[in-house]
Amino acid sequence: MLVQRVSGAMRGALDASGVNILSASGPASEQSVRHLHFHVVPRWANDGISTWPAGRSEYQLAGDPGTRLAEYLAGGQHHRS
């Protein structure tokens, strides 16, 4: 896969000690271009970048999210467009 090749090249050619592979899907994820694309970001220790959310979503789900996901996947349903 191209993403793996670019990731490996960043580690080798740029001496990156890590790589973040990011993708956003759907308007609520701040996806700005409506097609599948990945951001491959080289990382180094203490580079000042944080890719993890600093807080929790305020959105409230009814029921247990794990159970809802398992039931959805077991039913063979697919993601809504």
PDB file of N, CA and C in Angstrom:
ATOM      1  N   MET A   1       0.850  -1.181   0.000  1.00  0.00           N
ATOM      2  CA  MET A   1       0.000   0.000   0.000  1.00  0.00           C
ATOM      3  C   MET A   1       0.893   1.242   0.000  1.00  0.00           C
ATOM      4  N   LEU A   2       0.508   2.252  -0.723  1.00  0.00           N
ATOM      5  CA  LEU A   2       1.303   3.470  -0.865  1.00  0.00           C
ATOM      6  C   LEU A   2       1.546   4.151   0.480  1.00  0.00           C
ATOM      7  N   VAL A   3       0.548   4.185   1.343  1.00  0.00           N
ATOM      8  CA  VAL A   3       0.698   4.834   2.643  1.00  0.00           C
ATOM      9  C   VAL A   3       1.833   4.169   3.437  1.00  0.00           C
ATOM     10  N   GLN A   4       1.929   2.858   3.388  1.00  0.00           N
ATOM     11  CA  GLN A   4       3.007   2.148   4.087  1.00  0.00           C
ATOM     12  C   GLN A   4       4.372   2.498   3.497  1.00  0.00           C
ATOM     13  N   ARG A   5       4.448   2.608   2.190  1.00  0.00           N
ATOM     14  CA  ARG A   5       5.717   2.953   1.541  1.00  0.00           C
ATOM     15  C   ARG A   5       6.168   4.355   1.918  1.00  0.00           C
ATOM     16  N   VAL A   6       5.234   5.305   1.903  1.00  0.00           N
ATOM     17  CA  VAL A   6       5.574   6.686   2.266  1.00  0.00           C
ATOM     18  C   VAL A   6       5.979   6.753   3.740  1.00  0.00           C
ATOM     19  N   SER A   7       5.259   6.032   4.582  1.00  0.00           N
ATOM     20  CA  SER A   7       5.579   5.984   6.002  1.00  0.00           C
ATOM     21  C   SER A   7       6.993   5.446   6.224  1.00  0.00           C
ATOM     22  N   GLY A   8       7.335   4.362   5.558  1.00  0.00           N
ATOM     23  CA  GLY A   8       8.672   3.793   5.668  1.00  0.00           C
ATOM     24  C   GLY A   8       9.744   4.740   5.153  1.00  0.00           C
ATOM     25  N   ALA A   9       9.436   5.442   4.073  1.00  0.00           N
ATOM     26  CA  ALA A   9      10.387   6.404   3.519  1.00  0.00           C
ATOM     27  C   ALA A   9      10.628   7.554   4.482  1.00  0.00           C
ATOM     28  N   MET A  10       9.599   7.984   5.188  1.00  0.00           N
ATOM     29  CA  MET A  10       9.761   9.057   6.171  1.00  0.00           C
ATOM     30  C   MET A  10      10.667   8.615   7.312  1.00  0.00           C
ATOM     31  N   ARG A  11      10.521   7.361   7.730  1.00  0.00           N
ATOM     32  CA  ARG A  11      11.393   6.836   8.791  1.00  0.00           C
ATOM     33  C   ARG A  11      12.834   6.722   8.286  1.00  0.00           C
ATOM     34  N   GLY A  12      13.010   6.247   7.054  1.00  0.00           N
ATOM     35  CA  GLY A  12      14.343   6.042   6.511  1.00  0.00           C
ATOM     36  C   GLY A  12      15.015   7.325   6.060  1.00  0.00           C
ATOM     37  N   ALA A  13      14.382   8.067   5.163  1.00  0.00           N
ATOM     38  CA  ALA A  13      14.998   9.246   4.564  1.00  0.00           C
ATOM     39  C   ALA A  13      15.017  10.451   5.498  1.00  0.00           C
ATOM     40  N   LEU A  14      13.985  10.587   6.345  1.00  0.00           N
ATOM     41  CA  LEU A  14      13.895  11.756   7.230  1.00  0.00           C
ATOM     42  C   LEU A  14      14.323  11.449   8.655  1.00  0.00           C
ATOM     43  N   ASP A  15      14.645  10.189   8.922  1.00  0.00           N
ATOM     44  CA  ASP A  15      15.024   9.735  10.261  1.00  0.00           C
ATOM     45  C   ASP A  15      13.923  10.018  11.283  1.00  0.00           C
ATOM     46  N   ALA A  16      12.668   9.928  10.832  1.00  0.00           N
ATOM     47  CA  ALA A  16      11.534  10.113  11.746  1.00  0.00           C
ATOM     48  C   ALA A  16      11.461   8.905  12.679  1.00  0.00           C
ATOM     49  N   SER A  17      11.197   9.159  13.954  1.00  0.00           N
ATOM     50  CA  SER A  17      11.104   8.048  14.905  1.00  0.00           C
ATOM     51  C   SER A  17       9.687   7.495  14.969  1.00  0.00           C
ATOM     52  N   GLY A  18       8.758   8.136  14.280  1.00  0.00           N
ATOM     53  CA  GLY A  18       7.384   7.666  14.213  1.00  0.00           C
ATOM     54  C   GLY A  18       6.654   8.352  13.079  1.00  0.00           C
ATOM     55  N   VAL A  19       5.463   7.860  12.780  1.00  0.00           N
ATOM     56  CA  VAL A  19       4.635   8.437  11.717  1.00  0.00           C
ATOM     57  C   VAL A  19       3.176   8.333  12.153  1.00  0.00           C
ATOM     58  N   ASN A  20       2.422   9.415  11.986  1.00  0.00           N
ATOM     59  CA  ASN A  20       0.974   9.365  12.193  1.00  0.00           C
ATOM     60  C   ASN A  20       0.309   9.293  10.832  1.00  0.00           C
ATOM     61  N   ILE A  21      -0.672   8.406  10.704  1.00  0.00           N
ATOM     62  CA  ILE A  21      -1.458   8.293   9.483  1.00  0.00           C
ATOM     63  C   ILE A  21      -2.872   8.707   9.861  1.00  0.00           C
ATOM     64  N   LEU A  22      -3.330   9.797   9.284  1.00  0.00           N
ATOM     65  CA  LEU A  22      -4.608  10.387   9.661  1.00  0.00           C
ATOM     66  C   LEU A  22      -5.563  10.425   8.477  1.00  0.00           C
ATOM     67  N   SER A  23      -6.837  10.239   8.763  1.00  0.00           N
ATOM     68  CA  SER A  23      -7.876  10.360   7.755  1.00  0.00           C
ATOM     69  C   SER A  23      -9.135  10.868   8.440  1.00  0.00           C
ATOM     70  N   ALA A  24      -9.897  11.672   7.759  1.00  0.00           N
ATOM     71  CA  ALA A  24     -11.172  12.161   8.267  1.00  0.00           C
ATOM     72  C   ALA A  24     -12.262  11.689   7.308  1.00  0.00           C
ATOM     73  N   SER A  25     -13.392  11.246   7.840  1.00  0.00           N
ATOM     74  CA  SER A  25     -14.467  10.735   7.006  1.00  0.00           C
ATOM     75  C   SER A  25     -15.786  11.367   7.422  1.00  0.00           C
ATOM     76  N   GLY A  26     -16.328  12.209   6.581  1.00  0.00           N
ATOM     77  CA  GLY A  26     -17.612  12.845   6.840  1.00  0.00           C
ATOM     78  C   GLY A  26     -17.463  14.252   7.388  1.00  0.00           C
ATOM     79  N   PRO A  27     -18.466  15.101   7.168  1.00  0.00           N
ATOM     80  CA  PRO A  27     -18.402  16.514   7.556  1.00  0.00           C
ATOM     81  C   PRO A  27     -18.132  16.742   9.048  1.00  0.00           C
ATOM     82  N   ALA A  28     -18.679  15.927   9.929  1.00  0.00           N
ATOM     83  CA  ALA A  28     -18.484  16.137  11.359  1.00  0.00           C
ATOM     84  C   ALA A  28     -17.057  15.849  11.799  1.00  0.00           C
ATOM     85  N   SER A  29     -16.263  15.207  10.948  1.00  0.00           N
ATOM     86  CA  SER A  29     -14.868  14.921  11.283  1.00  0.00           C
ATOM     87  C   SER A  29     -13.935  16.003  10.728  1.00  0.00           C
ATOM     88  N   GLU A  30     -14.521  17.077  10.210  1.00  0.00           N
ATOM     89  CA  GLU A  30     -13.776  18.181   9.599  1.00  0.00           C
ATOM     90  C   GLU A  30     -13.127  17.778   8.278  1.00  0.00           C
ATOM     91  N   GLN A  31     -13.743  16.799   7.599  1.00  0.00           N
ATOM     92  CA  GLN A  31     -13.263  16.409   6.269  1.00  0.00           C
ATOM     93  C   GLN A  31     -13.561  17.554   5.314  1.00  0.00           C
ATOM     94  N   SER A  32     -12.536  18.085   4.675  1.00  0.00           N
ATOM     95  CA  SER A  32     -12.734  19.229   3.790  1.00  0.00           C
ATOM     96  C   SER A  32     -12.840  18.838   2.321  1.00  0.00           C
ATOM     97  N   VAL A  33     -12.294  17.681   1.958  1.00  0.00           N
ATOM     98  CA  VAL A  33     -12.346  17.199   0.583  1.00  0.00           C
ATOM     99  C   VAL A  33     -13.068  15.863   0.607  1.00  0.00           C
ATOM    100  N   ARG A  34     -14.185  15.747  -0.116  1.00  0.00           N
ATOM    101  CA  ARG A  34     -15.020  14.553  -0.030  1.00  0.00           C
ATOM    102  C   ARG A  34     -14.507  13.411  -0.898  1.00  0.00           C
ATOM    103  N   HIS A  35     -13.412  12.841  -0.483  1.00  0.00           N
ATOM    104  CA  HIS A  35     -12.876  11.628  -1.081  1.00  0.00           C
ATOM    105  C   HIS A  35     -11.892  11.034  -0.078  1.00  0.00           C
ATOM    106  N   LEU A  36     -11.554   9.777  -0.263  1.00  0.00           N
ATOM    107  CA  LEU A  36     -10.637   9.115   0.642  1.00  0.00           C
ATOM    108  C   LEU A  36      -9.224   9.644   0.429  1.00  0.00           C
ATOM    109  N   HIS A  37      -8.640  10.149   1.500  1.00  0.00           N
ATOM    110  CA  HIS A  37      -7.248  10.569   1.441  1.00  0.00           C
ATOM    111  C   HIS A  37      -6.638  10.431   2.826  1.00  0.00           C
ATOM    112  N   PHE A  38      -5.342  10.303   2.870  1.00  0.00           N
ATOM    113  CA  PHE A  38      -4.619  10.121   4.124  1.00  0.00           C
ATOM    114  C   PHE A  38      -3.564  11.206   4.258  1.00  0.00           C
ATOM    115  N   HIS A  39      -3.340  11.621   5.478  1.00  0.00           N
ATOM    116  CA  HIS A  39      -2.238  12.518   5.803  1.00  0.00           C
ATOM    117  C   HIS A  39      -1.183  11.649   6.478  1.00  0.00           C
ATOM    118  N   VAL A  40       0.021  11.646   5.939  1.00  0.00           N
ATOM    119  CA  VAL A  40       1.112  10.870   6.510  1.00  0.00           C
ATOM    120  C   VAL A  40       2.078  11.891   7.103  1.00  0.00           C
ATOM    121  N   VAL A  41       2.150  11.915   8.437  1.00  0.00           N
ATOM    122  CA  VAL A  41       2.878  12.960   9.149  1.00  0.00           C
ATOM    123  C   VAL A  41       4.096  12.368   9.857  1.00  0.00           C
ATOM    124  N   PRO A  42       5.301  12.786   9.475  1.00  0.00           N
ATOM    125  CA  PRO A  42       6.480  12.286  10.171  1.00  0.00           C
ATOM    126  C   PRO A  42       6.530  12.861  11.584  1.00  0.00           C
ATOM    127  N   ARG A  43       7.020  12.043  12.523  1.00  0.00           N
ATOM    128  CA  ARG A  43       7.067  12.474  13.924  1.00  0.00           C
ATOM    129  C   ARG A  43       8.434  12.190  14.526  1.00  0.00           C
ATOM    130  N   TRP A  44       8.818  13.044  15.476  1.00  0.00           N
ATOM    131  CA  TRP A  44      10.049  12.888  16.233  1.00  0.00           C
ATOM    132  C   TRP A  44       9.720  13.147  17.695  1.00  0.00           C
ATOM    133  N   ALA A  45      10.489  12.560  18.595  1.00  0.00           N
ATOM    134  CA  ALA A  45      10.274  12.771  20.028  1.00  0.00           C
ATOM    135  C   ALA A  45      10.308  14.270  20.329  1.00  0.00           C
ATOM    136  N   ASN A  46       9.375  14.706  21.163  1.00  0.00           N
ATOM    137  CA  ASN A  46       9.303  16.119  21.595  1.00  0.00           C
ATOM    138  C   ASN A  46       9.175  17.103  20.437  1.00  0.00           C
ATOM    139  N   ASP A  47       8.391  16.725  19.401  1.00  0.00           N
ATOM    140  CA  ASP A  47       8.227  17.622  18.249  1.00  0.00           C
ATOM    141  C   ASP A  47       7.122  18.656  18.453  1.00  0.00           C
ATOM    142  N   GLY A  48       6.426  18.581  19.583  1.00  0.00           N
ATOM    143  CA  GLY A  48       5.414  19.591  19.898  1.00  0.00           C
ATOM    144  C   GLY A  48       4.056  19.368  19.252  1.00  0.00           C
ATOM    145  N   ILE A  49       3.875  18.245  18.564  1.00  0.00           N
ATOM    146  CA  ILE A  49       2.593  17.956  17.916  1.00  0.00           C
ATOM    147  C   ILE A  49       1.816  16.956  18.768  1.00  0.00           C
ATOM    148  N   SER A  50       0.520  17.215  18.926  1.00  0.00           N
ATOM    149  CA  SER A  50      -0.350  16.252  19.597  1.00  0.00           C
ATOM    150  C   SER A  50      -1.463  15.863  18.633  1.00  0.00           C
ATOM    151  N   THR A  51      -1.601  14.578  18.361  1.00  0.00           N
ATOM    152  CA  THR A  51      -2.642  14.134  17.437  1.00  0.00           C
ATOM    153  C   THR A  51      -3.855  13.574  18.158  1.00  0.00           C
ATOM    154  N   TRP A  52      -3.785  13.473  19.468  1.00  0.00           N
ATOM    155  CA  TRP A  52      -4.889  12.892  20.224  1.00  0.00           C
ATOM    156  C   TRP A  52      -5.790  13.983  20.773  1.00  0.00           C
ATOM    157  N   PRO A  53      -7.097  13.776  20.755  1.00  0.00           N
ATOM    158  CA  PRO A  53      -8.017  14.778  21.304  1.00  0.00           C
ATOM    159  C   PRO A  53      -7.674  15.094  22.761  1.00  0.00           C
ATOM    160  N   ALA A  54      -7.790  16.360  23.110  1.00  0.00           N
ATOM    161  CA  ALA A  54      -7.474  16.790  24.472  1.00  0.00           C
ATOM    162  C   ALA A  54      -8.663  16.612  25.408  1.00  0.00           C
ATOM    163  N   GLY A  55      -9.845  16.416  24.861  1.00  0.00           N
ATOM    164  CA  GLY A  55     -11.040  16.272  25.691  1.00  0.00           C
ATOM    165  C   GLY A  55     -11.942  15.179  25.163  1.00  0.00           C
ATOM    166  N   ARG A  56     -13.135  15.133  25.706  1.00  0.00           N
ATOM    167  CA  ARG A  56     -14.120  14.139  25.278  1.00  0.00           C
ATOM    168  C   ARG A  56     -15.240  14.827  24.516  1.00  0.00           C
ATOM    169  N   SER A  57     -15.864  14.086  23.618  1.00  0.00           N
ATOM    170  CA  SER A  57     -16.999  14.610  22.872  1.00  0.00           C
ATOM    171  C   SER A  57     -18.158  14.888  23.817  1.00  0.00           C
ATOM    172  N   GLU A  58     -18.889  15.944  23.537  1.00  0.00           N
ATOM    173  CA  GLU A  58     -20.068  16.266  24.333  1.00  0.00           C
ATOM    174  C   GLU A  58     -21.317  15.591  23.787  1.00  0.00           C
ATOM    175  N   TYR A  59     -21.182  14.898  22.658  1.00  0.00           N
ATOM    176  CA  TYR A  59     -22.317  14.208  22.043  1.00  0.00           C
ATOM    177  C   TYR A  59     -22.752  13.051  22.940  1.00  0.00           C
ATOM    178  N   GLN A  60     -24.042  12.923  23.159  1.00  0.00           N
ATOM    179  CA  GLN A  60     -24.584  11.872  24.018  1.00  0.00           C
ATOM    180  C   GLN A  60     -25.218  10.772  23.180  1.00  0.00           C
ATOM    181  N   LEU A  61     -24.754   9.547  23.381  1.00  0.00           N
ATOM    182  CA  LEU A  61     -25.321   8.383  22.702  1.00  0.00           C
ATOM    183  C   LEU A  61     -26.288   7.667  23.625  1.00  0.00           C
ATOM    184  N   ALA A  62     -27.351   7.127  23.061  1.00  0.00           N
ATOM    185  CA  ALA A  62     -28.267   6.289  23.834  1.00  0.00           C
ATOM    186  C   ALA A  62     -27.739   4.859  23.800  1.00  0.00           C
ATOM    187  N   GLY A  63     -27.701   4.198  24.939  1.00  0.00           N
ATOM    188  CA  GLY A  63     -27.246   2.804  24.988  1.00  0.00           C
ATOM    189  C   GLY A  63     -25.731   2.696  25.008  1.00  0.00           C
ATOM    190  N   ASP A  64     -25.253   1.469  24.985  1.00  0.00           N
ATOM    191  CA  ASP A  64     -23.821   1.188  25.017  1.00  0.00           C
ATOM    192  C   ASP A  64     -23.240   1.228  23.604  1.00  0.00           C
ATOM    193  N   PRO A  65     -22.260   2.093  23.346  1.00  0.00           N
ATOM    194  CA  PRO A  65     -21.703   2.201  21.998  1.00  0.00           C
ATOM    195  C   PRO A  65     -21.113   0.885  21.497  1.00  0.00           C
ATOM    196  N   GLY A  66     -20.420   0.133  22.349  1.00  0.00           N
ATOM    197  CA  GLY A  66     -19.828  -1.142  21.933  1.00  0.00           C
ATOM    198  C   GLY A  66     -20.883  -2.131  21.483  1.00  0.00           C
ATOM    199  N   THR A  67     -21.975  -2.219  22.233  1.00  0.00           N
ATOM    200  CA  THR A  67     -23.072  -3.121  21.874  1.00  0.00           C
ATOM    201  C   THR A  67     -23.725  -2.676  20.572  1.00  0.00           C
ATOM    202  N   ARG A  68     -23.945  -1.386  20.429  1.00  0.00           N
ATOM    203  CA  ARG A  68     -24.560  -0.870  19.206  1.00  0.00           C
ATOM    204  C   ARG A  68     -23.701  -1.187  17.982  1.00  0.00           C
ATOM    205  N   LEU A  69     -22.389  -0.993  18.115  1.00  0.00           N
ATOM    206  CA  LEU A  69     -21.485  -1.293  16.997  1.00  0.00           C
ATOM    207  C   LEU A  69     -21.483  -2.779  16.665  1.00  0.00           C
ATOM    208  N   ALA A  70     -21.410  -3.626  17.691  1.00  0.00           N
ATOM    209  CA  ALA A  70     -21.394  -5.075  17.468  1.00  0.00           C
ATOM    210  C   ALA A  70     -22.666  -5.539  16.770  1.00  0.00           C
ATOM    211  N   GLU A  71     -23.807  -5.041  17.205  1.00  0.00           N
ATOM    212  CA  GLU A  71     -25.084  -5.424  16.592  1.00  0.00           C
ATOM    213  C   GLU A  71     -25.155  -4.949  15.143  1.00  0.00           C
ATOM    214  N   TYR A  72     -24.675  -3.748  14.889  1.00  0.00           N
ATOM    215  CA  TYR A  72     -24.687  -3.197  13.534  1.00  0.00           C
ATOM    216  C   TYR A  72     -23.812  -4.035  12.608  1.00  0.00           C
ATOM    217  N   LEU A  73     -22.598  -4.348  13.069  1.00  0.00           N
ATOM    218  CA  LEU A  73     -21.679  -5.144  12.259  1.00  0.00           C
ATOM    219  C   LEU A  73     -22.186  -6.569  12.063  1.00  0.00           C
ATOM    220  N   ALA A  74     -22.794  -7.159  13.060  1.00  0.00           N
ATOM    221  CA  ALA A  74     -23.318  -8.527  12.963  1.00  0.00           C
ATOM    222  C   ALA A  74     -24.474  -8.606  11.963  1.00  0.00           C
ATOM    223  N   GLY A  75     -25.185  -7.505  11.806  1.00  0.00           N
ATOM    224  CA  GLY A  75     -26.304  -7.466  10.872  1.00  0.00           C
ATOM    225  C   GLY A  75     -25.884  -7.271   9.440  1.00  0.00           C
ATOM    226  N   GLY A  76     -24.575  -7.089   9.205  1.00  0.00           N
ATOM    227  CA  GLY A  76     -24.083  -6.931   7.849  1.00  0.00           C
ATOM    228  C   GLY A  76     -24.418  -5.579   7.231  1.00  0.00           C
ATOM    229  N   GLN A  77     -24.793  -4.640   8.073  1.00  0.00           N
ATOM    230  CA  GLN A  77     -25.133  -3.305   7.559  1.00  0.00           C
ATOM    231  C   GLN A  77     -23.863  -2.552   7.237  1.00  0.00           C
ATOM    232  N   HIS A  78     -23.988  -1.541   6.389  1.00  0.00           N
ATOM    233  CA  HIS A  78     -22.845  -0.749   5.971  1.00  0.00           C
ATOM    234  C   HIS A  78     -23.035   0.702   6.375  1.00  0.00           C
ATOM    235  N   HIS A  79     -21.960   1.435   6.352  1.00  0.00           N
ATOM    236  CA  HIS A  79     -21.922   2.844   6.717  1.00  0.00           C
ATOM    237  C   HIS A  79     -22.895   3.659   5.857  1.00  0.00           C
ATOM    238  N   ARG A  80     -23.572   4.588   6.505  1.00  0.00           N
ATOM    239  CA  ARG A  80     -24.446   5.513   5.777  1.00  0.00           C
ATOM    240  C   ARG A  80     -23.600   6.482   4.987  1.00  0.00           C
ATOM    241  N   SER A  81     -24.054   6.894   3.811  1.00  0.00           N
ATOM    242  CA  SER A  81     -23.314   7.881   3.005  1.00  0.00           C
ATOM    243  C   SER A  81     -23.579   9.268   3.518  1.00  0.00           C
TER     244      SER A  81
END
